Amino acid sequence: MFERPAPAGRAFVTVTAGAVPPAPRRRHNATGGGNQESGERRPPAAAAPRSAVKDLVAALGLALAIEGLLCAAFPAAMRRAMQEASQTPMERMRLVGLASAAAGVVVVGIVRLLLG
């Protein structure tokens, strides 16, 4: 161990042989954080709502495409299905709608969990 002159404002600096230098400070990148040294990348905080809206619009577009294909391929069957739906009691329609929505949320959750 030896002492050497210190920068202005400090009396002296003690240097020990074999001392471990301090860890480098983490630098955050401009896209929302992350450690540039390790290559860590995190999306900006505002990306989550934007992604959810994008997913919602894509899902609505897919539903319209499927319904359009069914109407084009099977017009008579779709007309019968719509007539039957118009005769179905409101409570049953509400129950089927809630069950379909819940099943859709479960499917999306499983797909996101498995396919990330």
Protein backbone atom coordinates (compact mmCIF):
# COMPACT_ATOMS: atom_id res chain seq x y z
CA MET A 1 0.00 0.00 0.00
CA PHE A 2 1.26 3.46 -0.88
CA GLU A 3 -0.06 6.99 -0.92
CA ARG A 4 0.08 9.45 -3.80
CA PRO A 5 -1.03 13.07 -4.26
CA ALA A 6 -4.78 13.37 -4.75
CA PRO A 7 -6.81 15.60 -7.04
CA ALA A 8 -7.75 19.03 -5.72
CA GLY A 9 -10.07 18.97 -2.74
CA ARG A 10 -8.84 15.64 -1.30
CA ALA A 11 -5.97 15.13 1.10
CA PHE A 12 -4.59 11.89 -0.33
CA VAL A 13 -5.56 8.74 -2.20
CA THR A 14 -4.76 5.30 -0.84
CA VAL A 15 -4.05 2.66 -3.48
CA THR A 16 -3.90 -0.98 -2.46
CA ALA A 17 -2.14 -3.50 -4.66
CA GLY A 18 -4.63 -5.96 -6.12
CA ALA A 19 -7.61 -3.70 -5.40
CA VAL A 20 -10.66 -4.29 -7.56
CA PRO A 21 -11.63 -1.23 -9.62
CA PRO A 22 -15.22 -0.03 -9.29
CA ALA A 23 -17.74 -1.46 -11.73
CA PRO A 24 -18.42 0.72 -14.77
CA ARG A 25 -21.55 2.83 -14.63
CA ARG A 26 -24.46 1.64 -16.68
CA ARG A 27 -25.28 3.75 -19.70
CA HIS A 28 -28.88 3.77 -20.83
CA ASN A 29 -29.66 3.89 -24.51
CA ALA A 30 -31.95 6.49 -26.02
CA THR A 31 -34.78 4.03 -26.84
CA GLY A 32 -36.04 3.56 -23.33
CA GLY A 33 -33.33 2.07 -21.20
CA GLY A 34 -31.19 -0.99 -21.13
CA ASN A 35 -27.54 -1.64 -20.53
CA GLN A 36 -25.46 -0.95 -23.64
CA GLU A 37 -22.50 -2.96 -22.35
CA SER A 38 -24.53 -6.17 -22.06
CA GLY A 39 -26.67 -5.53 -25.13
CA GLU A 40 -29.84 -5.48 -23.04
CA ARG A 41 -32.75 -3.89 -24.93
CA ARG A 42 -36.03 -2.81 -23.43
CA PRO A 43 -38.87 -1.24 -25.40
CA PRO A 44 -40.00 2.26 -24.46
CA ALA A 45 -42.72 2.47 -21.82
CA ALA A 46 -45.24 3.81 -24.36
CA ALA A 47 -44.83 0.77 -26.64
CA ALA A 48 -47.24 -1.45 -24.68
CA PRO A 49 -50.44 0.58 -25.33
CA ARG A 50 -49.45 1.12 -28.95
CA SER A 51 -48.93 -2.62 -29.36
CA ALA A 52 -52.30 -3.39 -27.77
CA VAL A 53 -54.11 -1.01 -30.14
CA LYS A 54 -52.24 -2.51 -33.09
CA ASP A 55 -53.27 -6.02 -31.97
CA LEU A 56 -56.90 -4.93 -31.53
CA VAL A 57 -57.08 -3.40 -35.01
CA ALA A 58 -55.44 -6.49 -36.52
CA ALA A 59 -57.93 -8.76 -34.72
CA LEU A 60 -60.90 -6.71 -35.94
CA GLY A 61 -59.56 -6.81 -39.49
CA LEU A 62 -59.13 -10.58 -39.27
CA ALA A 63 -62.69 -11.01 -37.97
CA LEU A 64 -64.05 -8.92 -40.86
CA ALA A 65 -62.01 -10.92 -43.37
CA ILE A 66 -63.27 -14.25 -42.03
CA GLU A 67 -66.88 -13.06 -41.95
CA GLY A 68 -66.56 -11.72 -45.49
CA LEU A 69 -65.13 -15.02 -46.73
CA LEU A 70 -67.96 -16.95 -45.08
CA CYS A 71 -70.61 -14.66 -46.64
CA ALA A 72 -68.98 -15.01 -50.07
CA ALA A 73 -68.52 -18.79 -49.88
CA PHE A 74 -71.80 -19.74 -48.16
CA PRO A 75 -74.37 -16.94 -48.64
CA ALA A 76 -77.45 -19.12 -48.03
CA ALA A 77 -76.01 -20.65 -44.83
CA MET A 78 -74.99 -17.21 -43.54
CA ARG A 79 -78.51 -15.85 -44.22
CA ARG A 80 -80.04 -18.78 -42.30
CA ALA A 81 -77.57 -18.25 -39.42
CA MET A 82 -78.45 -14.55 -39.24
CA GLN A 83 -82.20 -15.31 -39.28
CA GLU A 84 -81.75 -17.84 -36.48
CA ALA A 85 -79.68 -15.34 -34.50
CA SER A 86 -82.43 -12.73 -34.86
CA GLN A 87 -84.94 -15.22 -33.36
CA THR A 88 -82.70 -16.17 -30.42
CA PRO A 89 -83.70 -14.74 -27.00
CA MET A 90 -81.59 -11.80 -25.75
CA GLU A 91 -80.35 -13.58 -22.62
CA ARG A 92 -79.03 -16.50 -24.64
CA MET A 93 -77.31 -14.12 -27.10
CA ARG A 94 -75.71 -12.28 -24.17
CA LEU A 95 -74.49 -15.55 -22.64
CA VAL A 96 -73.06 -16.79 -25.96
CA GLY A 97 -71.39 -13.40 -26.51
CA LEU A 98 -69.76 -13.40 -23.07
CA ALA A 99 -68.60 -17.00 -23.48
CA SER A 100 -67.13 -16.22 -26.91
CA ALA A 101 -65.33 -13.14 -25.58
CA ALA A 102 -63.89 -15.11 -22.65
CA ALA A 103 -62.75 -17.91 -24.96
CA GLY A 104 -61.09 -15.37 -27.24
CA VAL A 105 -59.20 -13.77 -24.34
CA VAL A 106 -58.03 -17.19 -23.16
CA VAL A 107 -56.84 -18.16 -26.65
CA VAL A 108 -54.93 -14.87 -27.08
CA GLY A 109 -53.37 -15.29 -23.62
CA ILE A 110 -52.23 -18.83 -24.34
CA VAL A 111 -50.79 -17.84 -27.74
CA ARG A 112 -48.88 -14.92 -26.22
CA LEU A 113 -47.61 -17.11 -23.39
CA LEU A 114 -46.44 -19.91 -25.67
CA LEU A 115 -45.20 -17.88 -28.64
CA GLY A 116 -44.09 -14.80 -26.68
